Amino acid sequence: MKLVLKIHRSLRNPEDPEVIEYQGEGPLRALILQAVSNHAFIRDVLFDGEKLKPGILYIYNETELSSMGLLEEQIEEDMVIKIVPILHGG
């Protein structure tokens, strides 16, 4: 499945991409970690080791995924996820 991450500018350096695409299968949280693994600043903003840091919204189809417990689910379709800080989006 194809995962597309659209990362808010406050969560990345100017040289980091706004959009990261990743192809893979597995739980969504693990796929996000794999997708940002080559972008150290973004990875460190979003993750503490393999655990997601608080204060970040993961939005797909107008649904905030972490509050619904959906980040540990297997993805079954291509997804475009907006990643924004709570202060901006919440």
C-alpha atoms as a PDB file:
ATOM      1  CA  MET A   1       0.000   0.000   0.000  1.00  0.00           C
ATOM      2  CA  LYS A   2       1.087   3.554  -0.650  1.00  0.00           C
ATOM      3  CA  LEU A   3       1.403   5.945   2.286  1.00  0.00           C
ATOM      4  CA  VAL A   4       1.714   9.690   1.651  1.00  0.00           C
ATOM      5  CA  LEU A   5       2.604  11.957   4.581  1.00  0.00           C
ATOM      6  CA  LYS A   6       1.951  15.701   4.322  1.00  0.00           C
ATOM      7  CA  ILE A   7       3.993  17.280   7.090  1.00  0.00           C
ATOM      8  CA  HIS A   8       3.211  20.730   8.481  1.00  0.00           C
ATOM      9  CA  ARG A   9       6.062  23.205   8.048  1.00  0.00           C
ATOM     10  CA  SER A  10       6.524  23.639  11.812  1.00  0.00           C
ATOM     11  CA  LEU A  11       7.420  19.927  12.092  1.00  0.00           C
ATOM     12  CA  ARG A  12      10.231  19.944   9.517  1.00  0.00           C
ATOM     13  CA  ASN A  13      13.347  21.851   8.532  1.00  0.00           C
ATOM     14  CA  PRO A  14      13.176  24.021   5.395  1.00  0.00           C
ATOM     15  CA  GLU A  15      15.302  21.469   3.513  1.00  0.00           C
ATOM     16  CA  ASP A  16      13.030  18.565   4.503  1.00  0.00           C
ATOM     17  CA  PRO A  17      10.274  17.589   2.059  1.00  0.00           C
ATOM     18  CA  GLU A  18       6.701  18.648   2.704  1.00  0.00           C
ATOM     19  CA  VAL A  19       5.449  15.346   1.278  1.00  0.00           C
ATOM     20  CA  ILE A  20       6.975  11.929   1.948  1.00  0.00           C
ATOM     21  CA  GLU A  21       5.778   8.871   0.037  1.00  0.00           C
ATOM     22  CA  TYR A  22       6.356   5.320   1.228  1.00  0.00           C
ATOM     23  CA  GLN A  23       5.302   1.938  -0.132  1.00  0.00           C
ATOM     24  CA  GLY A  24       4.840  -0.892   2.349  1.00  0.00           C
ATOM     25  CA  GLU A  25       2.604  -3.006   4.515  1.00  0.00           C
ATOM     26  CA  GLY A  26       2.115  -3.233   8.253  1.00  0.00           C
ATOM     27  CA  PRO A  27       0.756  -1.201  11.139  1.00  0.00           C
ATOM     28  CA  LEU A  28       0.386   2.464  10.322  1.00  0.00           C
ATOM     29  CA  ARG A  29       2.657   3.678  13.156  1.00  0.00           C
ATOM     30  CA  ALA A  30       5.489   1.433  11.930  1.00  0.00           C
ATOM     31  CA  LEU A  31       5.016   2.604   8.346  1.00  0.00           C
ATOM     32  CA  ILE A  32       5.179   6.243   9.419  1.00  0.00           C
ATOM     33  CA  LEU A  33       8.423   5.527  11.293  1.00  0.00           C
ATOM     34  CA  GLN A  34       9.892   3.770   8.256  1.00  0.00           C
ATOM     35  CA  ALA A  35       8.781   6.586   5.936  1.00  0.00           C
ATOM     36  CA  VAL A  36      10.516   9.287   8.011  1.00  0.00           C
ATOM     37  CA  SER A  37      13.572   7.226   8.958  1.00  0.00           C
ATOM     38  CA  ASN A  38      15.783   9.040   6.405  1.00  0.00           C
ATOM     39  CA  HIS A  39      14.675  12.454   7.692  1.00  0.00           C
ATOM     40  CA  ALA A  40      16.305  12.767  11.132  1.00  0.00           C
ATOM     41  CA  PHE A  41      14.690  16.048  12.168  1.00  0.00           C
ATOM     42  CA  ILE A  42      11.161  14.901  11.285  1.00  0.00           C
ATOM     43  CA  ARG A  43      11.750  11.492  12.892  1.00  0.00           C
ATOM     44  CA  ASP A  44      12.955  13.101  16.126  1.00  0.00           C
ATOM     45  CA  VAL A  45       9.981  15.495  16.207  1.00  0.00           C
ATOM     46  CA  LEU A  46       7.438  12.691  15.722  1.00  0.00           C
ATOM     47  CA  PHE A  47       9.055   9.775  17.588  1.00  0.00           C
ATOM     48  CA  ASP A  48      10.772   8.939  20.842  1.00  0.00           C
ATOM     49  CA  GLY A  49      12.462   5.695  19.814  1.00  0.00           C
ATOM     50  CA  GLU A  50       9.592   3.760  18.245  1.00  0.00           C
ATOM     51  CA  LYS A  51       6.878   5.496  20.290  1.00  0.00           C
ATOM     52  CA  LEU A  52       4.957   8.460  18.879  1.00  0.00           C
ATOM     53  CA  LYS A  53       5.413  11.676  20.810  1.00  0.00           C
ATOM     54  CA  PRO A  54       2.305  13.472  22.107  1.00  0.00           C
ATOM     55  CA  GLY A  55       1.112  16.767  20.685  1.00  0.00           C
ATOM     56  CA  ILE A  56       0.856  15.702  17.035  1.00  0.00           C
ATOM     57  CA  LEU A  57      -2.324  15.111  15.026  1.00  0.00           C
ATOM     58  CA  TYR A  58      -2.437  12.418  12.319  1.00  0.00           C
ATOM     59  CA  ILE A  59      -5.419  13.243  10.131  1.00  0.00           C
ATOM     60  CA  TYR A  60      -6.912  11.006   7.447  1.00  0.00           C
ATOM     61  CA  ASN A  61     -10.315  11.667   5.843  1.00  0.00           C
ATOM     62  CA  GLU A  62     -11.143  14.221   8.560  1.00  0.00           C
ATOM     63  CA  THR A  63     -10.423  11.641  11.286  1.00  0.00           C
ATOM     64  CA  GLU A  64      -7.668  12.030  13.874  1.00  0.00           C
ATOM     65  CA  LEU A  65      -6.099   8.572  13.863  1.00  0.00           C
ATOM     66  CA  SER A  66      -4.248   8.434  17.194  1.00  0.00           C
ATOM     67  CA  SER A  67      -7.257   9.478  19.303  1.00  0.00           C
ATOM     68  CA  MET A  68      -9.283   6.736  17.607  1.00  0.00           C
ATOM     69  CA  GLY A  69      -6.597   4.111  18.281  1.00  0.00           C
ATOM     70  CA  LEU A  70      -6.085   3.537  14.564  1.00  0.00           C
ATOM     71  CA  LEU A  71      -2.304   3.966  14.340  1.00  0.00           C
ATOM     72  CA  GLU A  72      -1.738   0.314  15.246  1.00  0.00           C
ATOM     73  CA  GLU A  73      -4.085  -0.918  12.521  1.00  0.00           C
ATOM     74  CA  GLN A  74      -2.880  -2.469   9.261  1.00  0.00           C
ATOM     75  CA  ILE A  75      -3.483  -0.188   6.314  1.00  0.00           C
ATOM     76  CA  GLU A  76      -5.738  -1.710   3.701  1.00  0.00           C
ATOM     77  CA  GLU A  77      -5.785   1.086   1.144  1.00  0.00           C
ATOM     78  CA  ASP A  78      -3.569   3.903  -0.075  1.00  0.00           C
ATOM     79  CA  MET A  79      -3.584   6.720   2.476  1.00  0.00           C
ATOM     80  CA  VAL A  80      -2.730  10.418   2.533  1.00  0.00           C
ATOM     81  CA  ILE A  81      -2.155  11.557   6.113  1.00  0.00           C
ATOM     82  CA  LYS A  82      -1.743  15.156   7.219  1.00  0.00           C
ATOM     83  CA  ILE A  83       0.578  15.545  10.184  1.00  0.00           C
ATOM     84  CA  VAL A  84       0.122  18.777  12.151  1.00  0.00           C
ATOM     85  CA  PRO A  85       0.932  19.974  15.656  1.00  0.00           C
ATOM     86  CA  ILE A  86      -2.012  20.185  18.050  1.00  0.00           C
ATOM     87  CA  LEU A  87      -1.460  23.924  18.473  1.00  0.00           C
ATOM     88  CA  HIS A  88      -2.080  24.428  14.747  1.00  0.00           C
ATOM     89  CA  GLY A  89      -4.852  21.939  14.045  1.00  0.00           C
ATOM     90  CA  GLY A  90      -6.638  21.307  17.309  1.00  0.00           C
END
